[in-house]
C-alpha atoms as a PDB file:
ATOM      1  CA  MET A   1     151.272 109.519  86.453  1.00  0.00           C
ATOM      2  CA  THR A   2     148.956 112.494  87.011  1.00  0.00           C
ATOM      3  CA  PRO A   3     146.320 112.365  89.746  1.00  0.00           C
ATOM      4  CA  MET A   4     143.543 112.254  87.089  1.00  0.00           C
ATOM      5  CA  ARG A   5     145.091 109.266  85.294  1.00  0.00           C
ATOM      6  CA  LEU A   6     145.675 107.536  88.606  1.00  0.00           C
ATOM      7  CA  ALA A   7     141.991 107.962  89.530  1.00  0.00           C
ATOM      8  CA  LEU A   8     140.856 106.644  86.170  1.00  0.00           C
ATOM      9  CA  ALA A   9     143.181 103.653  86.457  1.00  0.00           C
ATOM     10  CA  LEU A  10     141.936 102.820  89.952  1.00  0.00           C
ATOM     11  CA  THR A  11     138.316 103.129  88.829  1.00  0.00           C
ATOM     12  CA  ALA A  12     138.928 100.782  85.892  1.00  0.00           C
ATOM     13  CA  LEU A  13     140.668  98.313  88.163  1.00  0.00           C
ATOM     14  CA  LEU A  14     137.745  98.422  90.619  1.00  0.00           C
ATOM     15  CA  LEU A  15     135.165  97.825  87.883  1.00  0.00           C
ATOM     16  CA  THR A  16     137.063  94.850  86.564  1.00  0.00           C
ATOM     17  CA  THR A  17     137.254  93.278  90.002  1.00  0.00           C
ATOM     18  CA  LEU A  18     133.551  93.695  90.855  1.00  0.00           C
ATOM     19  CA  PRO A  19     131.668  90.409  90.646  1.00  0.00           C
ATOM     20  CA  ALA A  20     129.101  90.180  87.837  1.00  0.00           C
ATOM     21  CA  ARG A  21     125.482  89.730  88.848  1.00  0.00           C
ATOM     22  CA  SER A  22     124.621  86.062  88.527  1.00  0.00           C
ATOM     23  CA  GLU A  23     120.952  86.844  87.687  1.00  0.00           C
ATOM     24  CA  GLU A  24     119.629  90.045  86.084  1.00  0.00           C
ATOM     25  CA  VAL A  25     116.034  91.012  85.414  1.00  0.00           C
ATOM     26  CA  LEU A  26     115.059  92.332  81.940  1.00  0.00           C
ATOM     27  CA  ALA A  27     111.483  93.629  81.967  1.00  0.00           C
ATOM     28  CA  GLY A  28     108.961  95.807  80.181  1.00  0.00           C
ATOM     29  CA  LEU A  29     105.421  97.117  80.458  1.00  0.00           C
ATOM     30  CA  SER A  30     102.645  97.032  77.864  1.00  0.00           C
ATOM     31  CA  GLN A  31     101.875 100.707  78.594  1.00  0.00           C
ATOM     32  CA  THR A  32     104.047 103.492  79.930  1.00  0.00           C
ATOM     33  CA  ALA A  33     101.543 106.309  79.377  1.00  0.00           C
ATOM     34  CA  LEU A  34      97.860 106.625  80.283  1.00  0.00           C
ATOM     35  CA  ALA A  35      95.420 109.400  79.366  1.00  0.00           C
ATOM     36  CA  LEU A  36      92.723 110.298  81.917  1.00  0.00           C
ATOM     37  CA  THR A  37      89.707 111.209  79.802  1.00  0.00           C
ATOM     38  CA  ALA A  38      86.050 111.584  80.586  1.00  0.00           C
ATOM     39  CA  THR A  39      85.503 107.994  79.453  1.00  0.00           C
ATOM     40  CA  PHE A  40      88.494 106.474  81.285  1.00  0.00           C
ATOM     41  CA  THR A  41      87.299 103.381  83.221  1.00  0.00           C
ATOM     42  CA  GLY A  42      90.660 101.965  84.251  1.00  0.00           C
ATOM     43  CA  SER A  43      93.396 100.084  82.475  1.00  0.00           C
ATOM     44  CA  GLU A  44      95.312  96.817  82.548  1.00  0.00           C
ATOM     45  CA  ILE A  45      99.101  96.800  82.566  1.00  0.00           C
ATOM     46  CA  LEU A  46     100.930  93.750  81.327  1.00  0.00           C
ATOM     47  CA  VAL A  47     104.300  93.198  82.960  1.00  0.00           C
ATOM     48  CA  TYR A  48     106.675  90.792  81.185  1.00  0.00           C
ATOM     49  CA  GLY A  49     110.328  89.964  81.200  1.00  0.00           C
ATOM     50  CA  ALA A  50     113.097  87.441  81.425  1.00  0.00           C
ATOM     51  CA  VAL A  51     116.028  86.582  83.637  1.00  0.00           C
ATOM     52  CA  ARG A  52     119.566  86.748  82.209  1.00  0.00           C
ATOM     53  CA  ARG A  53     122.180  84.544  83.870  1.00  0.00           C
ATOM     54  CA  GLU A  54     125.948  84.394  83.838  1.00  0.00           C
ATOM     55  CA  ALA A  55     125.928  80.759  84.975  1.00  0.00           C
ATOM     56  CA  PRO A  56     123.483  77.800  85.241  1.00  0.00           C
ATOM     57  CA  ILE A  57     121.210  77.545  88.269  1.00  0.00           C
ATOM     58  CA  PRO A  58     122.681  75.243  90.940  1.00  0.00           C
ATOM     59  CA  ASP A  59     120.659  72.074  91.496  1.00  0.00           C
ATOM     60  CA  ASP A  60     120.145  72.873  95.152  1.00  0.00           C
ATOM     61  CA  ALA A  61     119.014  76.464  94.584  1.00  0.00           C
ATOM     62  CA  SER A  62     115.683  77.525  95.970  1.00  0.00           C
ATOM     63  CA  PRO A  63     112.923  78.769  93.567  1.00  0.00           C
ATOM     64  CA  LEU A  64     113.215  82.218  92.009  1.00  0.00           C
ATOM     65  CA  HIS A  65     110.290  84.593  92.482  1.00  0.00           C
ATOM     66  CA  VAL A  66     109.095  87.879  91.010  1.00  0.00           C
ATOM     67  CA  ILE A  67     107.496  90.851  92.823  1.00  0.00           C
ATOM     68  CA  VAL A  68     105.975  93.822  90.936  1.00  0.00           C
ATOM     69  CA  THR A  69     104.902  97.093  92.536  1.00  0.00           C
ATOM     70  CA  ILE A  70     103.230 100.142  91.005  1.00  0.00           C
ATOM     71  CA  GLU A  71     103.189 103.252  93.208  1.00  0.00           C
ATOM     72  CA  GLY A  72     101.254 106.453  92.556  1.00  0.00           C
ATOM     73  CA  PRO A  73     102.370 109.969  93.433  1.00  0.00           C
ATOM     74  CA  PRO A  74     102.738 110.414  97.246  1.00  0.00           C
ATOM     75  CA  GLN A  75     100.271 112.480  99.215  1.00  0.00           C
ATOM     76  CA  ARG A  76     100.220 114.152 102.616  1.00  0.00           C
ATOM     77  CA  LEU A  77      96.968 113.505 104.489  1.00  0.00           C
ATOM     78  CA  SER A  78      95.373 113.185 107.864  1.00  0.00           C
ATOM     79  CA  VAL A  79      93.411 110.310 109.396  1.00  0.00           C
ATOM     80  CA  TRP A  80      90.897 111.183 112.100  1.00  0.00           C
ATOM     81  CA  ARG A  81      89.129 109.091 114.681  1.00  0.00           C
ATOM     82  CA  LYS A  82      85.678 110.082 115.859  1.00  0.00           C
ATOM     83  CA  GLY A  83      84.717 110.070 119.512  1.00  0.00           C
ATOM     84  CA  ARG A  84      81.805 111.190 121.668  1.00  0.00           C
ATOM     85  CA  VAL A  85      82.280 114.584 123.294  1.00  0.00           C
ATOM     86  CA  SER A  86      79.455 115.828 125.513  1.00  0.00           C
ATOM     87  CA  GLY A  87      77.104 113.487 123.729  1.00  0.00           C
ATOM     88  CA  ILE A  88      78.171 114.672 120.247  1.00  0.00           C
ATOM     89  CA  TRP A  89      80.243 112.586 117.777  1.00  0.00           C
ATOM     90  CA  MET A  90      83.174 114.557 116.428  1.00  0.00           C
ATOM     91  CA  ASN A  91      86.793 114.168 115.315  1.00  0.00           C
ATOM     92  CA  VAL A  92      88.928 113.782 118.449  1.00  0.00           C
ATOM     93  CA  GLU A  93      92.292 112.337 117.369  1.00  0.00           C
ATOM     94  CA  GLU A  94      94.467 112.858 114.339  1.00  0.00           C
ATOM     95  CA  VAL A  95      97.546 111.281 112.809  1.00  0.00           C
ATOM     96  CA  ARG A  96      99.259 113.059 109.891  1.00  0.00           C
ATOM     97  CA  ILE A  97     100.581 110.728 107.255  1.00  0.00           C
ATOM     98  CA  ALA A  98     103.810 112.203 105.895  1.00  0.00           C
ATOM     99  CA  ARG A  99     104.015 109.974 102.834  1.00  0.00           C
ATOM    100  CA  ALA A 100     101.196 107.815 101.588  1.00  0.00           C
ATOM    101  CA  PRO A 101     101.007 106.625  97.955  1.00  0.00           C
ATOM    102  CA  SER A 102      97.809 107.706  96.211  1.00  0.00           C
ATOM    103  CA  PHE A 103      97.784 104.275  94.624  1.00  0.00           C
ATOM    104  CA  TYR A 104      99.759 101.107  95.399  1.00  0.00           C
ATOM    105  CA  ALA A 105      99.578  97.663  93.816  1.00  0.00           C
ATOM    106  CA  VAL A 106     101.676  94.584  94.578  1.00  0.00           C
ATOM    107  CA  ALA A 107     101.692  91.496  92.422  1.00  0.00           C
ATOM    108  CA  ALA A 108     103.916  88.450  92.965  1.00  0.00           C
ATOM    109  CA  THR A 109     104.443  84.811  92.164  1.00  0.00           C
ATOM    110  CA  ALA A 110     103.612  83.883  95.780  1.00  0.00           C
ATOM    111  CA  PRO A 111     102.540  85.565  99.057  1.00  0.00           C
ATOM    112  CA  LEU A 112     105.077  88.177 100.131  1.00  0.00           C
ATOM    113  CA  GLU A 113     105.656  86.612 103.540  1.00  0.00           C
ATOM    114  CA  ASP A 114     106.900  83.462 101.782  1.00  0.00           C
ATOM    115  CA  ILE A 115     109.308  85.069  99.296  1.00  0.00           C
ATOM    116  CA  LEU A 116     110.495  88.311 100.941  1.00  0.00           C
ATOM    117  CA  SER A 117     112.388  88.774 104.218  1.00  0.00           C
ATOM    118  CA  ASN A 118     111.438  91.510 106.673  1.00  0.00           C
ATOM    119  CA  THR A 119     114.853  93.062 106.235  1.00  0.00           C
ATOM    120  CA  GLU A 120     114.483  93.368 102.474  1.00  0.00           C
ATOM    121  CA  ASP A 121     110.907  94.657 102.870  1.00  0.00           C
ATOM    122  CA  LEU A 122     112.149  97.316 105.288  1.00  0.00           C
ATOM    123  CA  ARG A 123     115.000  98.296 102.962  1.00  0.00           C
ATOM    124  CA  HIS A 124     112.919  98.596  99.789  1.00  0.00           C
ATOM    125  CA  SER A 125     109.421  99.404 101.193  1.00  0.00           C
ATOM    126  CA  ILE A 126     107.647  96.775  99.098  1.00  0.00           C
ATOM    127  CA  SER A 127     104.621  95.714 101.134  1.00  0.00           C
ATOM    128  CA  VAL A 128     101.724  98.130 101.627  1.00  0.00           C
ATOM    129  CA  PRO A 129     102.443  98.943 105.321  1.00  0.00           C
ATOM    130  CA  ARG A 130     106.109  99.634 104.515  1.00  0.00           C
ATOM    131  CA  ALA A 131     105.108 102.026 101.753  1.00  0.00           C
ATOM    132  CA  ILE A 132     103.433 104.345 104.243  1.00  0.00           C
ATOM    133  CA  ARG A 133     105.323 106.662 106.555  1.00  0.00           C
ATOM    134  CA  SER A 134     103.430 107.990 109.549  1.00  0.00           C
ATOM    135  CA  PHE A 135     104.421 110.540 112.155  1.00  0.00           C
ATOM    136  CA  GLY A 136     102.789 112.243 115.122  1.00  0.00           C
ATOM    137  CA  GLN A 137     103.323 112.984 118.796  1.00  0.00           C
ATOM    138  CA  LEU A 138     101.965 110.609 121.404  1.00  0.00           C
ATOM    139  CA  ALA A 139      99.853 113.487 122.689  1.00  0.00           C
ATOM    140  CA  MET A 140      98.089 113.515 119.319  1.00  0.00           C
ATOM    141  CA  ALA A 141      97.503 109.753 119.147  1.00  0.00           C
ATOM    142  CA  ALA A 142      99.031 107.044 121.249  1.00  0.00           C
ATOM    143  CA  ASP A 143      97.927 104.359 118.803  1.00  0.00           C
ATOM    144  CA  ALA A 144      99.185 105.777 115.487  1.00  0.00           C
ATOM    145  CA  PRO A 145      99.518 102.268 113.922  1.00  0.00           C
ATOM    146  CA  THR A 146      95.723 101.909 114.273  1.00  0.00           C
ATOM    147  CA  PHE A 147      95.236 104.994 112.139  1.00  0.00           C
ATOM    148  CA  VAL A 148      97.605 103.597 109.481  1.00  0.00           C
ATOM    149  CA  GLU A 149      95.648 100.361 109.449  1.00  0.00           C
ATOM    150  CA  ALA A 150      92.467 102.359 108.970  1.00  0.00           C
ATOM    151  CA  LEU A 151      93.978 104.194 106.049  1.00  0.00           C
ATOM    152  CA  ILE A 152      95.025 100.919 104.422  1.00  0.00           C
ATOM    153  CA  ARG A 153      91.557  99.433 104.933  1.00  0.00           C
ATOM    154  CA  LEU A 154      89.807 102.474 103.422  1.00  0.00           C
ATOM    155  CA  ARG A 155      92.050 102.648 100.409  1.00  0.00           C
ATOM    156  CA  ARG A 156      91.636  98.922  99.846  1.00  0.00           C
ATOM    157  CA  GLU A 157      87.865  99.419  99.821  1.00  0.00           C
ATOM    158  CA  ASP A 158      88.336 102.194  97.249  1.00  0.00           C
ATOM    159  CA  GLY A 159      90.465  99.935  95.072  1.00  0.00           C
ATOM    160  CA  LEU A 160      93.569 102.109  95.537  1.00  0.00           C
ATOM    161  CA  PHE A 161      95.635  99.584  97.535  1.00  0.00           C
ATOM    162  CA  ILE A 162      95.770  96.253  95.730  1.00  0.00           C
ATOM    163  CA  GLU A 163      97.626  93.022  96.692  1.00  0.00           C
ATOM    164  CA  THR A 164      97.419  90.059  94.332  1.00  0.00           C
ATOM    165  CA  PRO A 165      99.754  87.240  95.324  1.00  0.00           C
ATOM    166  CA  ASN A 166     100.124  84.330  92.906  1.00  0.00           C
ATOM    167  CA  SER A 167      99.132  86.663  90.019  1.00  0.00           C
ATOM    168  CA  MET A 168     102.585  86.647  88.363  1.00  0.00           C
ATOM    169  CA  GLN A 169     103.610  83.557  86.412  1.00  0.00           C
ATOM    170  CA  MET A 170     107.166  82.309  85.899  1.00  0.00           C
ATOM    171  CA  GLN A 171     108.220  79.638  83.424  1.00  0.00           C
ATOM    172  CA  ARG A 172     111.358  77.582  84.027  1.00  0.00           C
ATOM    173  CA  GLU A 173     112.676  80.385  86.229  1.00  0.00           C
ATOM    174  CA  THR A 174     113.453  82.383  83.114  1.00  0.00           C
ATOM    175  CA  LEU A 175     110.365  84.021  81.637  1.00  0.00           C
ATOM    176  CA  PHE A 176     107.695  85.773  83.655  1.00  0.00           C
ATOM    177  CA  SER A 177     104.513  87.714  82.995  1.00  0.00           C
ATOM    178  CA  GLY A 178     101.386  88.996  84.731  1.00  0.00           C
ATOM    179  CA  THR A 179      98.849  91.797  84.722  1.00  0.00           C
ATOM    180  CA  LEU A 180      97.924  94.575  87.136  1.00  0.00           C
ATOM    181  CA  ASP A 181      94.599  96.394  87.006  1.00  0.00           C
ATOM    182  CA  LEU A 182      94.627 100.180  87.447  1.00  0.00           C
ATOM    183  CA  PRO A 183      91.292 101.689  88.636  1.00  0.00           C
ATOM    184  CA  ALA A 184      89.446 104.635  87.139  1.00  0.00           C
ATOM    185  CA  ASN A 185      90.030 106.887  90.156  1.00  0.00           C
ATOM    186  CA  LEU A 186      93.724 107.531  89.517  1.00  0.00           C
ATOM    187  CA  ILE A 187      95.269 110.938  89.995  1.00  0.00           C
ATOM    188  CA  GLU A 188      97.577 112.659  87.511  1.00  0.00           C
ATOM    189  CA  GLY A 189     101.321 112.164  87.954  1.00  0.00           C
ATOM    190  CA  THR A 190     104.232 109.826  87.508  1.00  0.00           C
ATOM    191  CA  TYR A 191     103.718 106.256  88.740  1.00  0.00           C
ATOM    192  CA  ARG A 192     106.781 104.237  89.727  1.00  0.00           C
ATOM    193  CA  ALA A 193     106.881 100.589  88.610  1.00  0.00           C
ATOM    194  CA  ARG A 194     109.421  98.205  90.144  1.00  0.00           C
ATOM    195  CA  ILE A 195     110.186  94.590  89.393  1.00  0.00           C
ATOM    196  CA  PHE A 196     112.172  92.511  91.935  1.00  0.00           C
ATOM    197  CA  LEU A 197     113.782  89.105  91.647  1.00  0.00           C
ATOM    198  CA  THR A 198     113.993  87.251  94.963  1.00  0.00           C
ATOM    199  CA  ARG A 199     115.570  83.990  96.088  1.00  0.00           C
ATOM    200  CA  ASP A 200     115.550  82.734  99.655  1.00  0.00           C
ATOM    201  CA  GLY A 201     113.759  85.930 100.690  1.00  0.00           C
ATOM    202  CA  GLU A 202     116.654  88.108  99.413  1.00  0.00           C
ATOM    203  CA  ILE A 203     116.438  90.496  96.462  1.00  0.00           C
ATOM    204  CA  VAL A 204     118.742  89.323  93.686  1.00  0.00           C
ATOM    205  CA  ASP A 205     118.114  92.149  91.241  1.00  0.00           C
ATOM    206  CA  GLN A 206     115.555  94.834  90.471  1.00  0.00           C
ATOM    207  CA  TYR A 207     114.314  96.968  87.570  1.00  0.00           C
ATOM    208  CA  GLU A 208     112.513 100.272  87.728  1.00  0.00           C
ATOM    209  CA  THR A 209     110.569 102.308  85.188  1.00  0.00           C
ATOM    210  CA  ALA A 210     107.794 104.945  85.122  1.00  0.00           C
ATOM    211  CA  ILE A 211     104.186 105.198  83.918  1.00  0.00           C
ATOM    212  CA  GLU A 212     103.019 108.700  83.069  1.00  0.00           C
ATOM    213  CA  VAL A 213      99.357 109.365  83.867  1.00  0.00           C
ATOM    214  CA  ARG A 214      98.066 112.671  82.447  1.00  0.00           C
ATOM    215  CA  MET A 215      94.762 114.413  82.033  1.00  0.00           C
ATOM    216  CA  ALA A 216      93.491 114.602  78.455  1.00  0.00           C
ATOM    217  CA  GLY A 217      90.613 116.311  76.634  1.00  0.00           C
ATOM    218  CA  LEU A 218      88.252 118.627  78.493  1.00  0.00           C
ATOM    219  CA  GLY A 219      89.513 117.470  81.870  1.00  0.00           C
ATOM    220  CA  SER A 220      93.046 118.512  80.995  1.00  0.00           C
ATOM    221  CA  TRP A 221      91.866 121.959  79.909  1.00  0.00           C
ATOM    222  CA  LEU A 222      89.811 122.499  83.130  1.00  0.00           C
ATOM    223  CA  SER A 223      92.683 121.315  85.268  1.00  0.00           C
ATOM    224  CA  ALA A 224      95.150 123.720  83.595  1.00  0.00           C
ATOM    225  CA  LEU A 225      92.623 126.567  83.816  1.00  0.00           C
ATOM    226  CA  ALA A 226      92.062 125.968  87.558  1.00  0.00           C
ATOM    227  CA  ARG A 227      95.809 125.848  88.159  1.00  0.00           C
ATOM    228  CA  ASP A 228      96.959 128.742  85.981  1.00  0.00           C
ATOM    229  CA  GLN A 229      93.938 131.070  85.923  1.00  0.00           C
ATOM    230  CA  PRO A 230      91.836 130.562  89.089  1.00  0.00           C
ATOM    231  CA  LEU A 231      89.674 133.662  88.590  1.00  0.00           C
ATOM    232  CA  PRO A 232      88.328 132.754  85.107  1.00  0.00           C
ATOM    233  CA  TYR A 233      87.911 129.159  86.332  1.00  0.00           C
ATOM    234  CA  GLY A 234      85.821 130.332  89.273  1.00  0.00           C
ATOM    235  CA  LEU A 235      83.670 132.524  87.028  1.00  0.00           C
ATOM    236  CA  LEU A 236      83.183 129.637  84.602  1.00  0.00           C
ATOM    237  CA  ALA A 237      82.149 127.352  87.489  1.00  0.00           C
ATOM    238  CA  VAL A 238      79.591 129.892  88.633  1.00  0.00           C
ATOM    239  CA  LEU A 239      78.183 130.316  85.119  1.00  0.00           C
ATOM    240  CA  ILE A 240      77.887 126.533  84.688  1.00  0.00           C
ATOM    241  CA  ALA A 241      76.127 126.233  88.059  1.00  0.00           C
ATOM    242  CA  VAL A 242      73.677 129.024  87.196  1.00  0.00           C
ATOM    243  CA  ALA A 243      72.990 127.489  83.785  1.00  0.00           C
ATOM    244  CA  ALA A 244      72.444 124.064  85.312  1.00  0.00           C
ATOM    245  CA  GLY A 245      70.059 125.506  87.909  1.00  0.00           C
ATOM    246  CA  TRP A 246      68.142 127.453  85.287  1.00  0.00           C
ATOM    247  CA  SER A 247      67.819 124.409  83.035  1.00  0.00           C
ATOM    248  CA  ALA A 248      66.594 122.270  85.897  1.00  0.00           C
ATOM    249  CA  SER A 249      64.037 124.917  86.860  1.00  0.00           C
ATOM    250  CA  ALA A 250      62.847 125.268  83.277  1.00  0.00           C
ATOM    251  CA  ALA A 251      62.475 121.513  82.918  1.00  0.00           C
ATOM    252  CA  PHE A 252      60.501 121.322  86.175  1.00  0.00           C
ATOM    253  CA  ARG A 253      58.128 124.142  85.052  1.00  0.00           C
ATOM    254  CA  ALA A 254      57.613 122.351  81.729  1.00  0.00           C
ATOM    255  CA  LEU A 255      56.690 119.146  83.511  1.00  0.00           C
ATOM    256  CA  GLN A 256      54.146 121.031  85.687  1.00  0.00           C
ATOM    257  CA  ARG A 257      52.193 122.297  82.676  1.00  0.00           C
END
């Protein structure tokens, strides 16, 4: 037997001996593409699916739960803390966030602490704090976790970090559905959607798909112009500003007459 045939035979033998997943998630989204237009005020995404099983659920099995996350394109940013220096308030400490999602939403059939172990959360970065990666020298900020908490608090206030436990519904541990609200202040990019099945705090199976969020209409044209032709975009911005200023001045003079 040639080495190639031997490798194929071993691979086939391995696949036949692997245990089949006892529970598998089959899911879908009501929308997989969003257009950011001038009139975009947010959107609602319906998540739905079912659980496929190879065998009946044991009578002594704990309840099955569903967790859904939607994560926006990651960003690098800095969080500053103000302090008084010589009687003047100014930025004194900084922590650079290496990877922070521009948007992050978590929906589940119950609070995460009740249905997800810390080990699984660490492995899959499901909760909001786990979705953020911070770095920085102690000389820069000895209390970096405080900065991360501040970032989470600010983005929650802006509606960009959303946690809605008990918002997903499951029927007879087979069918599930729920909605997640996306705000109007989304950025363009690919958003990652994940659906997890958990039992006893452990992840049984997961499904992943993407939501494409793109600029459309005049906003798309201006964005492409700023990216590809910065000089004409700058001139256009100056002309618009001059026209707006002249129009405001003319309107004011008309009101004075």
